[in-house]
C-alpha atoms as a PDB file:
ATOM      1  CA  UNK A   1      11.492   8.181   4.534  1.00  0.00           C
ATOM      2  CA  UNK A   2       9.244   9.713   1.914  1.00  0.00           C
ATOM      3  CA  UNK A   3      10.026   7.441  -1.053  1.00  0.00           C
ATOM      4  CA  UNK A   4       8.347   4.067  -1.398  1.00  0.00           C
ATOM      5  CA  UNK A   5       7.989   1.231  -3.870  1.00  0.00           C
ATOM      6  CA  UNK A   6       5.005  -1.080  -4.240  1.00  0.00           C
ATOM      7  CA  UNK A   7       5.592  -4.372  -6.044  1.00  0.00           C
ATOM      8  CA  UNK A   8       2.505  -6.399  -6.906  1.00  0.00           C
ATOM      9  CA  UNK A   9       2.911  -9.974  -8.058  1.00  0.00           C
ATOM     10  CA  UNK A  10       0.025 -11.977  -9.471  1.00  0.00           C
ATOM     11  CA  UNK A  11       0.801 -15.669  -9.091  1.00  0.00           C
ATOM     12  CA  UNK A  12      -0.738 -18.893 -10.282  1.00  0.00           C
ATOM     13  CA  UNK A  13      -3.675 -20.341  -8.379  1.00  0.00           C
ATOM     14  CA  UNK A  14      -2.674 -22.246  -5.226  1.00  0.00           C
ATOM     15  CA  UNK A  15       0.924 -21.028  -5.235  1.00  0.00           C
ATOM     16  CA  UNK A  16       0.595 -18.081  -2.807  1.00  0.00           C
ATOM     17  CA  UNK A  17       1.739 -19.995   0.286  1.00  0.00           C
ATOM     18  CA  UNK A  18       4.854 -21.414  -1.375  1.00  0.00           C
ATOM     19  CA  UNK A  19       5.620 -18.066  -3.002  1.00  0.00           C
ATOM     20  CA  UNK A  20       5.597 -16.353   0.402  1.00  0.00           C
ATOM     21  CA  UNK A  21       8.019 -18.919   1.826  1.00  0.00           C
ATOM     22  CA  UNK A  22      10.448 -18.278  -1.032  1.00  0.00           C
ATOM     23  CA  UNK A  23      10.022 -14.521  -0.789  1.00  0.00           C
ATOM     24  CA  UNK A  24      10.836 -14.470   2.914  1.00  0.00           C
ATOM     25  CA  UNK A  25      14.157 -16.168   2.235  1.00  0.00           C
ATOM     26  CA  UNK A  26      14.942 -13.972  -0.777  1.00  0.00           C
ATOM     27  CA  UNK A  27      14.158 -10.687   0.976  1.00  0.00           C
ATOM     28  CA  UNK A  28      16.529 -11.613   3.827  1.00  0.00           C
ATOM     29  CA  UNK A  29      19.535 -12.106   1.546  1.00  0.00           C
ATOM     30  CA  UNK A  30      22.492  -9.708   1.796  1.00  0.00           C
ATOM     31  CA  UNK A  31      22.469  -7.047  -0.871  1.00  0.00           C
ATOM     32  CA  UNK A  32      18.684  -6.703  -1.114  1.00  0.00           C
ATOM     33  CA  UNK A  33      17.912  -3.009  -0.768  1.00  0.00           C
ATOM     34  CA  UNK A  34      15.109  -0.991   0.725  1.00  0.00           C
ATOM     35  CA  UNK A  35      13.370  -1.194   4.075  1.00  0.00           C
ATOM     36  CA  UNK A  36      10.605  -3.776   4.102  1.00  0.00           C
ATOM     37  CA  UNK A  37       7.464  -2.103   5.424  1.00  0.00           C
ATOM     38  CA  UNK A  38       4.935  -4.835   4.698  1.00  0.00           C
ATOM     39  CA  UNK A  39       4.118  -7.892   2.625  1.00  0.00           C
ATOM     40  CA  UNK A  40       0.552  -9.064   2.088  1.00  0.00           C
ATOM     41  CA  UNK A  41      -1.529 -11.565   0.110  1.00  0.00           C
ATOM     42  CA  UNK A  42      -4.903 -10.539  -1.289  1.00  0.00           C
ATOM     43  CA  UNK A  43      -8.013 -11.881   0.421  1.00  0.00           C
ATOM     44  CA  UNK A  44     -10.875  -9.834  -1.078  1.00  0.00           C
ATOM     45  CA  UNK A  45     -10.685  -8.278  -4.543  1.00  0.00           C
ATOM     46  CA  UNK A  46      -8.368  -9.642  -7.216  1.00  0.00           C
ATOM     47  CA  UNK A  47      -7.035 -12.877  -5.777  1.00  0.00           C
ATOM     48  CA  UNK A  48      -3.615 -14.535  -5.979  1.00  0.00           C
ATOM     49  CA  UNK A  49      -1.839 -11.218  -5.552  1.00  0.00           C
ATOM     50  CA  UNK A  50       1.151 -10.601  -3.298  1.00  0.00           C
ATOM     51  CA  UNK A  51       2.156  -7.037  -2.536  1.00  0.00           C
ATOM     52  CA  UNK A  52       5.471  -5.814  -1.124  1.00  0.00           C
ATOM     53  CA  UNK A  53       5.907  -2.265   0.205  1.00  0.00           C
ATOM     54  CA  UNK A  54       9.453  -0.981   0.732  1.00  0.00           C
ATOM     55  CA  UNK A  55      10.786   2.415   1.786  1.00  0.00           C
ATOM     56  CA  UNK A  56      13.919   4.263   0.692  1.00  0.00           C
ATOM     57  CA  UNK A  57      15.948   7.125   2.136  1.00  0.00           C
ATOM     58  CA  UNK A  58      16.612   8.654  -1.279  1.00  0.00           C
ATOM     59  CA  UNK A  59      15.980   8.143  -4.974  1.00  0.00           C
ATOM     60  CA  UNK A  60      19.455   6.773  -5.727  1.00  0.00           C
ATOM     61  CA  UNK A  61      18.871   3.874  -3.329  1.00  0.00           C
ATOM     62  CA  UNK A  62      15.480   3.133  -4.817  1.00  0.00           C
ATOM     63  CA  UNK A  63      16.877   3.150  -8.343  1.00  0.00           C
ATOM     64  CA  UNK A  64      19.832   0.965  -7.364  1.00  0.00           C
ATOM     65  CA  UNK A  65      17.508  -1.660  -5.870  1.00  0.00           C
ATOM     66  CA  UNK A  66      15.260  -1.491  -8.929  1.00  0.00           C
ATOM     67  CA  UNK A  67      18.229  -2.161 -11.184  1.00  0.00           C
ATOM     68  CA  UNK A  68      19.394  -5.025  -8.950  1.00  0.00           C
ATOM     69  CA  UNK A  69      15.923  -6.581  -8.888  1.00  0.00           C
ATOM     70  CA  UNK A  70      15.427  -6.355 -12.648  1.00  0.00           C
ATOM     71  CA  UNK A  71      18.897  -7.399 -13.764  1.00  0.00           C
ATOM     72  CA  UNK A  72      19.242 -10.251 -11.291  1.00  0.00           C
ATOM     73  CA  UNK A  73      16.013 -11.654 -12.672  1.00  0.00           C
ATOM     74  CA  UNK A  74      15.123 -13.798  -9.669  1.00  0.00           C
ATOM     75  CA  UNK A  75      11.970 -11.886  -8.630  1.00  0.00           C
ATOM     76  CA  UNK A  76      12.431 -12.884  -4.982  1.00  0.00           C
ATOM     77  CA  UNK A  77      12.622 -16.528  -6.012  1.00  0.00           C
ATOM     78  CA  UNK A  78       9.090 -16.824  -7.408  1.00  0.00           C
ATOM     79  CA  UNK A  79       9.574 -16.566 -11.181  1.00  0.00           C
ATOM     80  CA  UNK A  80       7.962 -19.977 -11.714  1.00  0.00           C
ATOM     81  CA  UNK A  81       4.712 -18.743 -10.147  1.00  0.00           C
ATOM     82  CA  UNK A  82       4.333 -15.236 -11.620  1.00  0.00           C
ATOM     83  CA  UNK A  83       1.660 -14.404 -14.193  1.00  0.00           C
ATOM     84  CA  UNK A  84       1.958 -10.617 -13.820  1.00  0.00           C
ATOM     85  CA  UNK A  85       4.398  -8.201 -12.168  1.00  0.00           C
ATOM     86  CA  UNK A  86       3.903  -4.486 -11.535  1.00  0.00           C
ATOM     87  CA  UNK A  87       6.277  -2.045  -9.791  1.00  0.00           C
ATOM     88  CA  UNK A  88       5.107   1.432  -8.785  1.00  0.00           C
ATOM     89  CA  UNK A  89       6.861   4.427  -7.212  1.00  0.00           C
ATOM     90  CA  UNK A  90       5.105   6.430  -4.514  1.00  0.00           C
ATOM     91  CA  UNK A  91       5.877   9.470  -2.364  1.00  0.00           C
ATOM     92  CA  UNK A  92       4.447   9.791   1.130  1.00  0.00           C
ATOM     93  CA  UNK A  93       1.921  12.557   1.714  1.00  0.00           C
ATOM     94  CA  UNK A  94       4.202  15.221   3.250  1.00  0.00           C
ATOM     95  CA  UNK A  95       2.121  15.697   6.407  1.00  0.00           C
ATOM     96  CA  UNK A  96       1.814  11.987   7.283  1.00  0.00           C
ATOM     97  CA  UNK A  97       4.056   9.542   9.101  1.00  0.00           C
ATOM     98  CA  UNK A  98       3.432   5.806   8.576  1.00  0.00           C
ATOM     99  CA  UNK A  99       2.477   3.701  11.566  1.00  0.00           C
ATOM    100  CA  UNK A 100       5.313   1.826  13.220  1.00  0.00           C
ATOM    101  CA  UNK A 101       5.796  -1.864  12.506  1.00  0.00           C
ATOM    102  CA  UNK A 102       3.592  -4.094  14.639  1.00  0.00           C
ATOM    103  CA  UNK A 103       0.094  -5.493  14.884  1.00  0.00           C
ATOM    104  CA  UNK A 104      -2.478  -3.113  13.436  1.00  0.00           C
ATOM    105  CA  UNK A 105      -4.590  -5.519  11.344  1.00  0.00           C
ATOM    106  CA  UNK A 106      -4.802  -8.286  10.445  1.00  0.00           C
ATOM    107  CA  UNK A 107      -6.865  -6.872   7.579  1.00  0.00           C
ATOM    108  CA  UNK A 108      -5.178  -4.214   5.431  1.00  0.00           C
ATOM    109  CA  UNK A 109      -7.217  -2.332   2.859  1.00  0.00           C
ATOM    110  CA  UNK A 110      -5.353  -0.781  -0.049  1.00  0.00           C
ATOM    111  CA  UNK A 111      -7.379   1.841  -1.861  1.00  0.00           C
ATOM    112  CA  UNK A 112      -6.087   3.274  -5.159  1.00  0.00           C
ATOM    113  CA  UNK A 113      -7.772   6.383  -6.557  1.00  0.00           C
ATOM    114  CA  UNK A 114      -7.232   7.759 -10.066  1.00  0.00           C
ATOM    115  CA  UNK A 115      -7.599  11.546 -10.132  1.00  0.00           C
ATOM    116  CA  UNK A 116      -8.414  14.200 -12.701  1.00  0.00           C
ATOM    117  CA  UNK A 117      -5.301  15.850 -14.131  1.00  0.00           C
ATOM    118  CA  UNK A 118      -5.452  18.769 -11.678  1.00  0.00           C
ATOM    119  CA  UNK A 119      -6.636  16.699  -8.740  1.00  0.00           C
ATOM    120  CA  UNK A 120      -3.556  15.960  -6.653  1.00  0.00           C
ATOM    121  CA  UNK A 121      -3.076  19.271  -4.828  1.00  0.00           C
ATOM    122  CA  UNK A 122      -6.799  19.636  -3.951  1.00  0.00           C
ATOM    123  CA  UNK A 123      -6.655  16.063  -2.648  1.00  0.00           C
ATOM    124  CA  UNK A 124      -3.681  16.882  -0.426  1.00  0.00           C
ATOM    125  CA  UNK A 125      -5.431  20.052   0.778  1.00  0.00           C
ATOM    126  CA  UNK A 126      -8.494  18.049   1.744  1.00  0.00           C
ATOM    127  CA  UNK A 127      -6.541  15.307   3.466  1.00  0.00           C
ATOM    128  CA  UNK A 128      -4.451  17.649   5.599  1.00  0.00           C
ATOM    129  CA  UNK A 129      -7.634  19.062   7.102  1.00  0.00           C
ATOM    130  CA  UNK A 130      -9.573  15.821   7.464  1.00  0.00           C
ATOM    131  CA  UNK A 131      -7.076  13.098   8.342  1.00  0.00           C
ATOM    132  CA  UNK A 132      -6.632  14.244  11.966  1.00  0.00           C
ATOM    133  CA  UNK A 133     -10.339  14.063  12.854  1.00  0.00           C
ATOM    134  CA  UNK A 134     -10.760  10.866  10.789  1.00  0.00           C
ATOM    135  CA  UNK A 135      -7.986   9.057  12.672  1.00  0.00           C
ATOM    136  CA  UNK A 136      -9.131  10.146  16.135  1.00  0.00           C
ATOM    137  CA  UNK A 137      -9.475   7.434  18.765  1.00  0.00           C
ATOM    138  CA  UNK A 138     -13.187   6.861  18.163  1.00  0.00           C
ATOM    139  CA  UNK A 139     -12.523   5.964  14.505  1.00  0.00           C
ATOM    140  CA  UNK A 140      -9.371   4.181  13.259  1.00  0.00           C
ATOM    141  CA  UNK A 141      -5.797   4.895  12.160  1.00  0.00           C
ATOM    142  CA  UNK A 142      -4.533   5.109   8.608  1.00  0.00           C
ATOM    143  CA  UNK A 143      -1.247   3.351   7.912  1.00  0.00           C
ATOM    144  CA  UNK A 144      -0.266   6.050   5.412  1.00  0.00           C
ATOM    145  CA  UNK A 145      -1.156   7.639   2.080  1.00  0.00           C
ATOM    146  CA  UNK A 146       1.106   8.096  -0.941  1.00  0.00           C
ATOM    147  CA  UNK A 147       0.865   9.755  -4.348  1.00  0.00           C
ATOM    148  CA  UNK A 148       2.209   7.967  -7.411  1.00  0.00           C
ATOM    149  CA  UNK A 149       5.108   9.368  -9.417  1.00  0.00           C
ATOM    150  CA  UNK A 150       4.958   6.993 -12.380  1.00  0.00           C
ATOM    151  CA  UNK A 151       2.422   5.124 -14.472  1.00  0.00           C
ATOM    152  CA  UNK A 152      -1.094   6.510 -14.960  1.00  0.00           C
ATOM    153  CA  UNK A 153      -1.079   9.883 -13.197  1.00  0.00           C
ATOM    154  CA  UNK A 154      -2.215  11.419 -10.993  1.00  0.00           C
ATOM    155  CA  UNK A 155      -3.306   8.730  -8.571  1.00  0.00           C
ATOM    156  CA  UNK A 156      -2.820   7.942  -4.927  1.00  0.00           C
ATOM    157  CA  UNK A 157      -2.740   4.972  -2.574  1.00  0.00           C
ATOM    158  CA  UNK A 158      -4.000   4.867   1.000  1.00  0.00           C
ATOM    159  CA  UNK A 159      -3.645   1.878   3.313  1.00  0.00           C
ATOM    160  CA  UNK A 160      -6.026   1.264   6.237  1.00  0.00           C
ATOM    161  CA  UNK A 161      -5.543  -1.459   8.867  1.00  0.00           C
ATOM    162  CA  UNK A 162      -8.616  -3.109  10.393  1.00  0.00           C
ATOM    163  CA  UNK A 163      -8.954  -5.551  13.266  1.00  0.00           C
ATOM    164  CA  UNK A 164     -12.126  -7.012  11.702  1.00  0.00           C
ATOM    165  CA  UNK A 165     -14.198  -6.411   8.597  1.00  0.00           C
ATOM    166  CA  UNK A 166     -17.078  -5.488  10.904  1.00  0.00           C
ATOM    167  CA  UNK A 167     -14.915  -2.718  12.384  1.00  0.00           C
ATOM    168  CA  UNK A 168     -14.241  -1.440   8.878  1.00  0.00           C
ATOM    169  CA  UNK A 169     -17.935  -1.118   8.092  1.00  0.00           C
ATOM    170  CA  UNK A 170     -18.786   0.440  11.449  1.00  0.00           C
ATOM    171  CA  UNK A 171     -15.999   3.022  11.380  1.00  0.00           C
ATOM    172  CA  UNK A 172     -16.503   4.016   7.765  1.00  0.00           C
ATOM    173  CA  UNK A 173     -20.235   4.412   8.286  1.00  0.00           C
ATOM    174  CA  UNK A 174     -19.762   6.432  11.485  1.00  0.00           C
ATOM    175  CA  UNK A 175     -17.105   8.719   9.995  1.00  0.00           C
ATOM    176  CA  UNK A 176     -19.389   9.624   7.103  1.00  0.00           C
ATOM    177  CA  UNK A 177     -22.364  10.123   9.416  1.00  0.00           C
ATOM    178  CA  UNK A 178     -20.296  12.402  11.672  1.00  0.00           C
ATOM    179  CA  UNK A 179     -19.105  14.459   8.703  1.00  0.00           C
ATOM    180  CA  UNK A 180     -15.388  13.870   9.283  1.00  0.00           C
ATOM    181  CA  UNK A 181     -14.866  11.864   6.071  1.00  0.00           C
ATOM    182  CA  UNK A 182     -14.450  11.931   3.101  1.00  0.00           C
ATOM    183  CA  UNK A 183     -12.147  14.959   2.842  1.00  0.00           C
ATOM    184  CA  UNK A 184     -13.555  18.265   1.640  1.00  0.00           C
ATOM    185  CA  UNK A 185     -13.713  18.669  -2.143  1.00  0.00           C
ATOM    186  CA  UNK A 186     -12.475  15.111  -2.717  1.00  0.00           C
ATOM    187  CA  UNK A 187     -15.326  13.929  -4.940  1.00  0.00           C
ATOM    188  CA  UNK A 188     -14.653  16.242  -7.911  1.00  0.00           C
ATOM    189  CA  UNK A 189     -11.039  15.041  -8.070  1.00  0.00           C
ATOM    190  CA  UNK A 190     -11.909  11.359  -8.557  1.00  0.00           C
ATOM    191  CA  UNK A 191     -12.039   9.377 -11.796  1.00  0.00           C
ATOM    192  CA  UNK A 192     -11.834   5.795 -10.548  1.00  0.00           C
ATOM    193  CA  UNK A 193     -11.506   3.929  -7.241  1.00  0.00           C
ATOM    194  CA  UNK A 194     -10.268   0.412  -6.451  1.00  0.00           C
ATOM    195  CA  UNK A 195     -10.011  -1.417  -3.147  1.00  0.00           C
ATOM    196  CA  UNK A 196      -8.382  -4.713  -2.161  1.00  0.00           C
ATOM    197  CA  UNK A 197      -8.275  -6.376   1.258  1.00  0.00           C
ATOM    198  CA  UNK A 198      -4.985  -8.084   2.142  1.00  0.00           C
ATOM    199  CA  UNK A 199      -3.708 -10.294   4.957  1.00  0.00           C
ATOM    200  CA  UNK A 200      -0.065 -10.014   6.095  1.00  0.00           C
ATOM    201  CA  UNK A 201       2.579 -12.615   5.416  1.00  0.00           C
ATOM    202  CA  UNK A 202       4.042 -14.220   8.559  1.00  0.00           C
ATOM    203  CA  UNK A 203       7.288 -12.259   8.053  1.00  0.00           C
ATOM    204  CA  UNK A 204       5.641  -8.894   7.341  1.00  0.00           C
ATOM    205  CA  UNK A 205       6.704  -6.108   9.746  1.00  0.00           C
ATOM    206  CA  UNK A 206       3.062  -4.986   9.660  1.00  0.00           C
ATOM    207  CA  UNK A 207       0.715  -7.582  11.133  1.00  0.00           C
END
């Protein structure tokens, strides 16, 4: 799969736990499309956010599920809690394969970078050279990276699992010191950078 969808719900304070219970039931219903890759609740960054990542074999399936989701109007059973809802389309970097479902976290960092108008291809060129050394055994794996195909463009999303926040700091510091990260020529492509740390829902395929 190369096509993905990221849905981000912002919910009312102290409703995250109940929202996740309702979402688990709703996502398991017959007729719900897409392959659930992960579901997380924000822990550091903007709080009270729940993010769902789903994959699709082709664009027609993604569009059909989008239509179902919007027209049904149930929002995975959490309408009463939602204060904001955002749906984004992403394509997987062509040289990456997402990690298999399983325990890679429990901390998942989602980094979203806004790029200059000509910045996507140079970003891909830098990543294809650097991601192998950066994800070597002495550092840490990346779940995957995706470029957006709607909304404010160009931008991309990369998701990093961490066993601890201390590991995150140690690995990031070491990778920079060793010169394996960030990718070559990445700085000039960047306009803005945002990072949020999430924890997986109990039913998330990624833990």
